Amino acid sequence: MHFERLVEIIKKRRETLQVTQEMLADISGVGLRTLKAFESGKGNPTAETLTKLANALGLELTFKVKLKE
């Protein structure tokens, strides 16, 4: 999945649940500045940050790793 699509899904879910960025930052333990950067398509969130956001929003996040030799 492309990063832009991931941003769109998380932002839409937050809005559907009527959760503000401030509330999500508090619930998830992710910094507000980090969350705002993520939702604006900037920054480079870690897998841990993405997992925290997904969990707080009741979403399931799975990672697919592709290795090349």
PDB file of N, CA and C in Angstrom:
ATOM      1  N   MET A   1       0.858  -1.184   0.000  1.00  0.00           N
ATOM      2  CA  MET A   1       0.000   0.000   0.000  1.00  0.00           C
ATOM      3  C   MET A   1       0.896   1.237   0.000  1.00  0.00           C
ATOM      4  N   HIS A   2       0.509   2.208  -0.747  1.00  0.00           N
ATOM      5  CA  HIS A   2       1.275   3.437  -0.821  1.00  0.00           C
ATOM      6  C   HIS A   2       1.046   4.284   0.424  1.00  0.00           C
ATOM      7  N   PHE A   3       2.056   5.061   0.760  1.00  0.00           N
ATOM      8  CA  PHE A   3       2.003   5.896   1.951  1.00  0.00           C
ATOM      9  C   PHE A   3       0.794   6.820   1.932  1.00  0.00           C
ATOM     10  N   GLU A   4       0.499   7.413   0.781  1.00  0.00           N
ATOM     11  CA  GLU A   4      -0.622   8.349   0.681  1.00  0.00           C
ATOM     12  C   GLU A   4      -1.943   7.668   1.035  1.00  0.00           C
ATOM     13  N   ARG A   5      -2.101   6.427   0.618  1.00  0.00           N
ATOM     14  CA  ARG A   5      -3.327   5.677   0.906  1.00  0.00           C
ATOM     15  C   ARG A   5      -3.436   5.384   2.394  1.00  0.00           C
ATOM     16  N   LEU A   6      -2.318   5.058   3.019  1.00  0.00           N
ATOM     17  CA  LEU A   6      -2.291   4.802   4.454  1.00  0.00           C
ATOM     18  C   LEU A   6      -2.695   6.059   5.229  1.00  0.00           C
ATOM     19  N   VAL A   7      -2.171   7.194   4.832  1.00  0.00           N
ATOM     20  CA  VAL A   7      -2.534   8.470   5.456  1.00  0.00           C
ATOM     21  C   VAL A   7      -4.041   8.699   5.314  1.00  0.00           C
ATOM     22  N   GLU A   8      -4.551   8.489   4.118  1.00  0.00           N
ATOM     23  CA  GLU A   8      -5.978   8.705   3.835  1.00  0.00           C
ATOM     24  C   GLU A   8      -6.863   7.813   4.721  1.00  0.00           C
ATOM     25  N   ILE A   9      -6.506   6.554   4.853  1.00  0.00           N
ATOM     26  CA  ILE A   9      -7.306   5.613   5.645  1.00  0.00           C
ATOM     27  C   ILE A   9      -7.329   6.019   7.114  1.00  0.00           C
ATOM     28  N   ILE A  10      -6.173   6.336   7.663  1.00  0.00           N
ATOM     29  CA  ILE A  10      -6.106   6.689   9.084  1.00  0.00           C
ATOM     30  C   ILE A  10      -6.827   8.007   9.346  1.00  0.00           C
ATOM     31  N   LYS A  11      -6.623   8.993   8.486  1.00  0.00           N
ATOM     32  CA  LYS A  11      -7.291  10.286   8.673  1.00  0.00           C
ATOM     33  C   LYS A  11      -8.810  10.143   8.556  1.00  0.00           C
ATOM     34  N   LYS A  12      -9.269   9.389   7.556  1.00  0.00           N
ATOM     35  CA  LYS A  12     -10.707   9.212   7.367  1.00  0.00           C
ATOM     36  C   LYS A  12     -11.325   8.492   8.559  1.00  0.00           C
ATOM     37  N   ARG A  13     -10.661   7.478   9.067  1.00  0.00           N
ATOM     38  CA  ARG A  13     -11.167   6.736  10.226  1.00  0.00           C
ATOM     39  C   ARG A  13     -11.272   7.657  11.440  1.00  0.00           C
ATOM     40  N   ARG A  14     -10.243   8.494  11.641  1.00  0.00           N
ATOM     41  CA  ARG A  14     -10.264   9.446  12.759  1.00  0.00           C
ATOM     42  C   ARG A  14     -11.459  10.378  12.629  1.00  0.00           C
ATOM     43  N   GLU A  15     -11.679  10.892  11.442  1.00  0.00           N
ATOM     44  CA  GLU A  15     -12.791  11.816  11.215  1.00  0.00           C
ATOM     45  C   GLU A  15     -14.138  11.115  11.362  1.00  0.00           C
ATOM     46  N   THR A  16     -14.248   9.884  10.883  1.00  0.00           N
ATOM     47  CA  THR A  16     -15.492   9.117  10.998  1.00  0.00           C
ATOM     48  C   THR A  16     -15.859   8.906  12.467  1.00  0.00           C
ATOM     49  N   LEU A  17     -14.852   8.657  13.290  1.00  0.00           N
ATOM     50  CA  LEU A  17     -15.070   8.460  14.724  1.00  0.00           C
ATOM     51  C   LEU A  17     -15.218   9.782  15.485  1.00  0.00           C
ATOM     52  N   GLN A  18     -15.096  10.883  14.762  1.00  0.00           N
ATOM     53  CA  GLN A  18     -15.182  12.229  15.335  1.00  0.00           C
ATOM     54  C   GLN A  18     -14.143  12.425  16.446  1.00  0.00           C
ATOM     55  N   VAL A  19     -12.930  12.008  16.139  1.00  0.00           N
ATOM     56  CA  VAL A  19     -11.807  12.150  17.057  1.00  0.00           C
ATOM     57  C   VAL A  19     -10.908  13.250  16.504  1.00  0.00           C
ATOM     58  N   THR A  20     -10.573  14.217  17.327  1.00  0.00           N
ATOM     59  CA  THR A  20      -9.678  15.283  16.886  1.00  0.00           C
ATOM     60  C   THR A  20      -8.242  14.770  16.877  1.00  0.00           C
ATOM     61  N   GLN A  21      -7.384  15.507  16.227  1.00  0.00           N
ATOM     62  CA  GLN A  21      -5.967  15.144  16.229  1.00  0.00           C
ATOM     63  C   GLN A  21      -5.428  15.135  17.655  1.00  0.00           C
ATOM     64  N   GLU A  22      -5.849  16.100  18.453  1.00  0.00           N
ATOM     65  CA  GLU A  22      -5.394  16.181  19.840  1.00  0.00           C
ATOM     66  C   GLU A  22      -5.835  14.950  20.624  1.00  0.00           C
ATOM     67  N   MET A  23      -7.075  14.544  20.422  1.00  0.00           N
ATOM     68  CA  MET A  23      -7.589  13.357  21.114  1.00  0.00           C
ATOM     69  C   MET A  23      -6.832  12.107  20.690  1.00  0.00           C
ATOM     70  N   LEU A  24      -6.597  11.949  19.390  1.00  0.00           N
ATOM     71  CA  LEU A  24      -5.891  10.775  18.896  1.00  0.00           C
ATOM     72  C   LEU A  24      -4.455  10.744  19.415  1.00  0.00           C
ATOM     73  N   ALA A  25      -3.820  11.887  19.440  1.00  0.00           N
ATOM     74  CA  ALA A  25      -2.457  11.944  19.974  1.00  0.00           C
ATOM     75  C   ALA A  25      -2.439  11.475  21.428  1.00  0.00           C
ATOM     76  N   ASP A  26      -3.412  11.924  22.193  1.00  0.00           N
ATOM     77  CA  ASP A  26      -3.492  11.550  23.605  1.00  0.00           C
ATOM     78  C   ASP A  26      -3.795  10.066  23.774  1.00  0.00           C
ATOM     79  N   ILE A  27      -4.758   9.567  23.029  1.00  0.00           N
ATOM     80  CA  ILE A  27      -5.179   8.163  23.140  1.00  0.00           C
ATOM     81  C   ILE A  27      -4.071   7.209  22.685  1.00  0.00           C
ATOM     82  N   SER A  28      -3.404   7.568  21.604  1.00  0.00           N
ATOM     83  CA  SER A  28      -2.419   6.665  21.001  1.00  0.00           C
ATOM     84  C   SER A  28      -1.034   6.773  21.625  1.00  0.00           C
ATOM     85  N   GLY A  29      -0.744   7.909  22.251  1.00  0.00           N
ATOM     86  CA  GLY A  29       0.599   8.119  22.781  1.00  0.00           C
ATOM     87  C   GLY A  29       1.567   8.629  21.724  1.00  0.00           C
ATOM     88  N   VAL A  30       1.027   9.033  20.585  1.00  0.00           N
ATOM     89  CA  VAL A  30       1.844   9.605  19.508  1.00  0.00           C
ATOM     90  C   VAL A  30       1.817  11.122  19.674  1.00  0.00           C
ATOM     91  N   GLY A  31       2.947  11.762  19.523  1.00  0.00           N
ATOM     92  CA  GLY A  31       3.018  13.212  19.670  1.00  0.00           C
ATOM     93  C   GLY A  31       2.134  13.926  18.663  1.00  0.00           C
ATOM     94  N   LEU A  32       1.536  15.019  19.093  1.00  0.00           N
ATOM     95  CA  LEU A  32       0.645  15.782  18.217  1.00  0.00           C
ATOM     96  C   LEU A  32       1.391  16.276  16.981  1.00  0.00           C
ATOM     97  N   ARG A  33       2.590  16.744  17.145  1.00  0.00           N
ATOM     98  CA  ARG A  33       3.388  17.224  16.011  1.00  0.00           C
ATOM     99  C   ARG A  33       3.630  16.087  15.005  1.00  0.00           C
ATOM    100  N   THR A  34       3.920  14.900  15.525  1.00  0.00           N
ATOM    101  CA  THR A  34       4.135  13.723  14.669  1.00  0.00           C
ATOM    102  C   THR A  34       2.866  13.375  13.919  1.00  0.00           C
ATOM    103  N   LEU A  35       1.737  13.395  14.610  1.00  0.00           N
ATOM    104  CA  LEU A  35       0.453  13.081  13.991  1.00  0.00           C
ATOM    105  C   LEU A  35       0.103  14.096  12.909  1.00  0.00           C
ATOM    106  N   LYS A  36       0.292  15.371  13.186  1.00  0.00           N
ATOM    107  CA  LYS A  36      -0.011  16.406  12.194  1.00  0.00           C
ATOM    108  C   LYS A  36       0.874  16.266  10.965  1.00  0.00           C
ATOM    109  N   ALA A  37       2.144  15.956  11.173  1.00  0.00           N
ATOM    110  CA  ALA A  37       3.060  15.758  10.045  1.00  0.00           C
ATOM    111  C   ALA A  37       2.618  14.555   9.219  1.00  0.00           C
ATOM    112  N   PHE A  38       2.232  13.477   9.894  1.00  0.00           N
ATOM    113  CA  PHE A  38       1.772  12.276   9.208  1.00  0.00           C
ATOM    114  C   PHE A  38       0.538  12.570   8.361  1.00  0.00           C
ATOM    115  N   GLU A  39      -0.460  13.220   8.953  1.00  0.00           N
ATOM    116  CA  GLU A  39      -1.708  13.492   8.227  1.00  0.00           C
ATOM    117  C   GLU A  39      -1.525  14.487   7.091  1.00  0.00           C
ATOM    118  N   SER A  40      -0.474  15.263   7.130  1.00  0.00           N
ATOM    119  CA  SER A  40      -0.216  16.182   6.027  1.00  0.00           C
ATOM    120  C   SER A  40       0.677  15.539   4.968  1.00  0.00           C
ATOM    121  N   GLY A  41       1.003  14.255   5.174  1.00  0.00           N
ATOM    122  CA  GLY A  41       1.802  13.530   4.193  1.00  0.00           C
ATOM    123  C   GLY A  41       3.288  13.760   4.318  1.00  0.00           C
ATOM    124  N   LYS A  42       3.685  14.360   5.413  1.00  0.00           N
ATOM    125  CA  LYS A  42       5.099  14.633   5.656  1.00  0.00           C
ATOM    126  C   LYS A  42       5.597  13.717   6.766  1.00  0.00           C
ATOM    127  N   GLY A  43       6.854  13.782   7.017  1.00  0.00           N
ATOM    128  CA  GLY A  43       7.409  12.966   8.077  1.00  0.00           C
ATOM    129  C   GLY A  43       7.646  11.544   7.613  1.00  0.00           C
ATOM    130  N   ASN A  44       8.180  10.754   8.503  1.00  0.00           N
ATOM    131  CA  ASN A  44       8.505   9.372   8.196  1.00  0.00           C
ATOM    132  C   ASN A  44       8.190   8.540   9.439  1.00  0.00           C
ATOM    133  N   PRO A  45       6.907   8.198   9.645  1.00  0.00           N
ATOM    134  CA  PRO A  45       6.529   7.499  10.871  1.00  0.00           C
ATOM    135  C   PRO A  45       7.131   6.096  10.937  1.00  0.00           C
ATOM    136  N   THR A  46       7.463   5.698  12.136  1.00  0.00           N
ATOM    137  CA  THR A  46       7.988   4.354  12.348  1.00  0.00           C
ATOM    138  C   THR A  46       6.842   3.351  12.346  1.00  0.00           C
ATOM    139  N   ALA A  47       7.193   2.089  12.254  1.00  0.00           N
ATOM    140  CA  ALA A  47       6.180   1.030  12.335  1.00  0.00           C
ATOM    141  C   ALA A  47       5.472   1.100  13.680  1.00  0.00           C
ATOM    142  N   GLU A  48       6.191   1.446  14.726  1.00  0.00           N
ATOM    143  CA  GLU A  48       5.589   1.563  16.059  1.00  0.00           C
ATOM    144  C   GLU A  48       4.551   2.685  16.094  1.00  0.00           C
ATOM    145  N   THR A  49       4.864   3.809  15.491  1.00  0.00           N
ATOM    146  CA  THR A  49       3.926   4.937  15.445  1.00  0.00           C
ATOM    147  C   THR A  49       2.674   4.557  14.667  1.00  0.00           C
ATOM    148  N   LEU A  50       2.838   3.932  13.510  1.00  0.00           N
ATOM    149  CA  LEU A  50       1.692   3.510  12.709  1.00  0.00           C
ATOM    150  C   LEU A  50       0.832   2.500  13.462  1.00  0.00           C
ATOM    151  N   THR A  51       1.471   1.598  14.176  1.00  0.00           N
ATOM    152  CA  THR A  51       0.745   0.600  14.957  1.00  0.00           C
ATOM    153  C   THR A  51      -0.052   1.260  16.074  1.00  0.00           C
ATOM    154  N   LYS A  52       0.528   2.222  16.749  1.00  0.00           N
ATOM    155  CA  LYS A  52      -0.172   2.939  17.827  1.00  0.00           C
ATOM    156  C   LYS A  52      -1.408   3.649  17.292  1.00  0.00           C
ATOM    157  N   LEU A  53      -1.267   4.312  16.144  1.00  0.00           N
ATOM    158  CA  LEU A  53      -2.396   5.029  15.557  1.00  0.00           C
ATOM    159  C   LEU A  53      -3.492   4.052  15.131  1.00  0.00           C
ATOM    160  N   ALA A  54      -3.103   2.988  14.460  1.00  0.00           N
ATOM    161  CA  ALA A  54      -4.078   1.995  14.010  1.00  0.00           C
ATOM    162  C   ALA A  54      -4.813   1.380  15.197  1.00  0.00           C
ATOM    163  N   ASN A  55      -4.091   0.997  16.220  1.00  0.00           N
ATOM    164  CA  ASN A  55      -4.717   0.394  17.401  1.00  0.00           C
ATOM    165  C   ASN A  55      -5.700   1.349  18.067  1.00  0.00           C
ATOM    166  N   ALA A  56      -5.323   2.601  18.186  1.00  0.00           N
ATOM    167  CA  ALA A  56      -6.193   3.588  18.826  1.00  0.00           C
ATOM    168  C   ALA A  56      -7.481   3.802  18.041  1.00  0.00           C
ATOM    169  N   LEU A  57      -7.418   3.567  16.739  1.00  0.00           N
ATOM    170  CA  LEU A  57      -8.583   3.772  15.871  1.00  0.00           C
ATOM    171  C   LEU A  57      -9.335   2.478  15.571  1.00  0.00           C
ATOM    172  N   GLY A  58      -8.895   1.380  16.171  1.00  0.00           N
ATOM    173  CA  GLY A  58      -9.567   0.104  15.954  1.00  0.00           C
ATOM    174  C   GLY A  58      -9.299  -0.484  14.579  1.00  0.00           C
ATOM    175  N   LEU A  59      -8.154  -0.165  14.009  1.00  0.00           N
ATOM    176  CA  LEU A  59      -7.768  -0.691  12.708  1.00  0.00           C
ATOM    177  C   LEU A  59      -6.711  -1.775  12.893  1.00  0.00           C
ATOM    178  N   GLU A  60      -6.657  -2.698  11.954  1.00  0.00           N
ATOM    179  CA  GLU A  60      -5.627  -3.735  11.971  1.00  0.00           C
ATOM    180  C   GLU A  60      -4.570  -3.362  10.950  1.00  0.00           C
ATOM    181  N   LEU A  61      -3.333  -3.337  11.395  1.00  0.00           N
ATOM    182  CA  LEU A  61      -2.225  -2.968  10.525  1.00  0.00           C
ATOM    183  C   LEU A  61      -1.299  -4.168  10.388  1.00  0.00           C
ATOM    184  N   THR A  62      -1.045  -4.561   9.160  1.00  0.00           N
ATOM    185  CA  THR A  62      -0.114  -5.655   8.913  1.00  0.00           C
ATOM    186  C   THR A  62       0.991  -5.140   7.996  1.00  0.00           C
ATOM    187  N   PHE A  63       2.152  -5.691   8.182  1.00  0.00           N
ATOM    188  CA  PHE A  63       3.309  -5.274   7.389  1.00  0.00           C
ATOM    189  C   PHE A  63       3.760  -6.406   6.483  1.00  0.00           C
ATOM    190  N   LYS A  64       4.120  -6.063   5.283  1.00  0.00           N
ATOM    191  CA  LYS A  64       4.652  -7.029   4.335  1.00  0.00           C
ATOM    192  C   LYS A  64       6.074  -6.576   4.002  1.00  0.00           C
ATOM    193  N   VAL A  65       7.012  -7.451   4.221  1.00  0.00           N
ATOM    194  CA  VAL A  65       8.407  -7.106   3.983  1.00  0.00           C
ATOM    195  C   VAL A  65       8.898  -7.876   2.759  1.00  0.00           C
ATOM    196  N   LYS A  66       9.508  -7.155   1.844  1.00  0.00           N
ATOM    197  CA  LYS A  66      10.043  -7.782   0.636  1.00  0.00           C
ATOM    198  C   LYS A  66      11.559  -7.562   0.646  1.00  0.00           C
ATOM    199  N   LEU A  67      12.290  -8.669   0.643  1.00  0.00           N
ATOM    200  CA  LEU A  67      13.747  -8.596   0.638  1.00  0.00           C
ATOM    201  C   LEU A  67      14.287  -8.997  -0.729  1.00  0.00           C
ATOM    202  N   LYS A  68      15.297  -8.301  -1.159  1.00  0.00           N
ATOM    203  CA  LYS A  68      15.953  -8.638  -2.430  1.00  0.00           C
ATOM    204  C   LYS A  68      17.416  -8.909  -2.139  1.00  0.00           C
ATOM    205  N   GLU A  69      17.951  -9.860  -2.842  1.00  0.00           N
ATOM    206  CA  GLU A  69      19.381 -10.154  -2.697  1.00  0.00           C
ATOM    207  C   GLU A  69      20.138  -9.525  -3.822  1.00  0.00           C
TER     208      GLU A  69
END
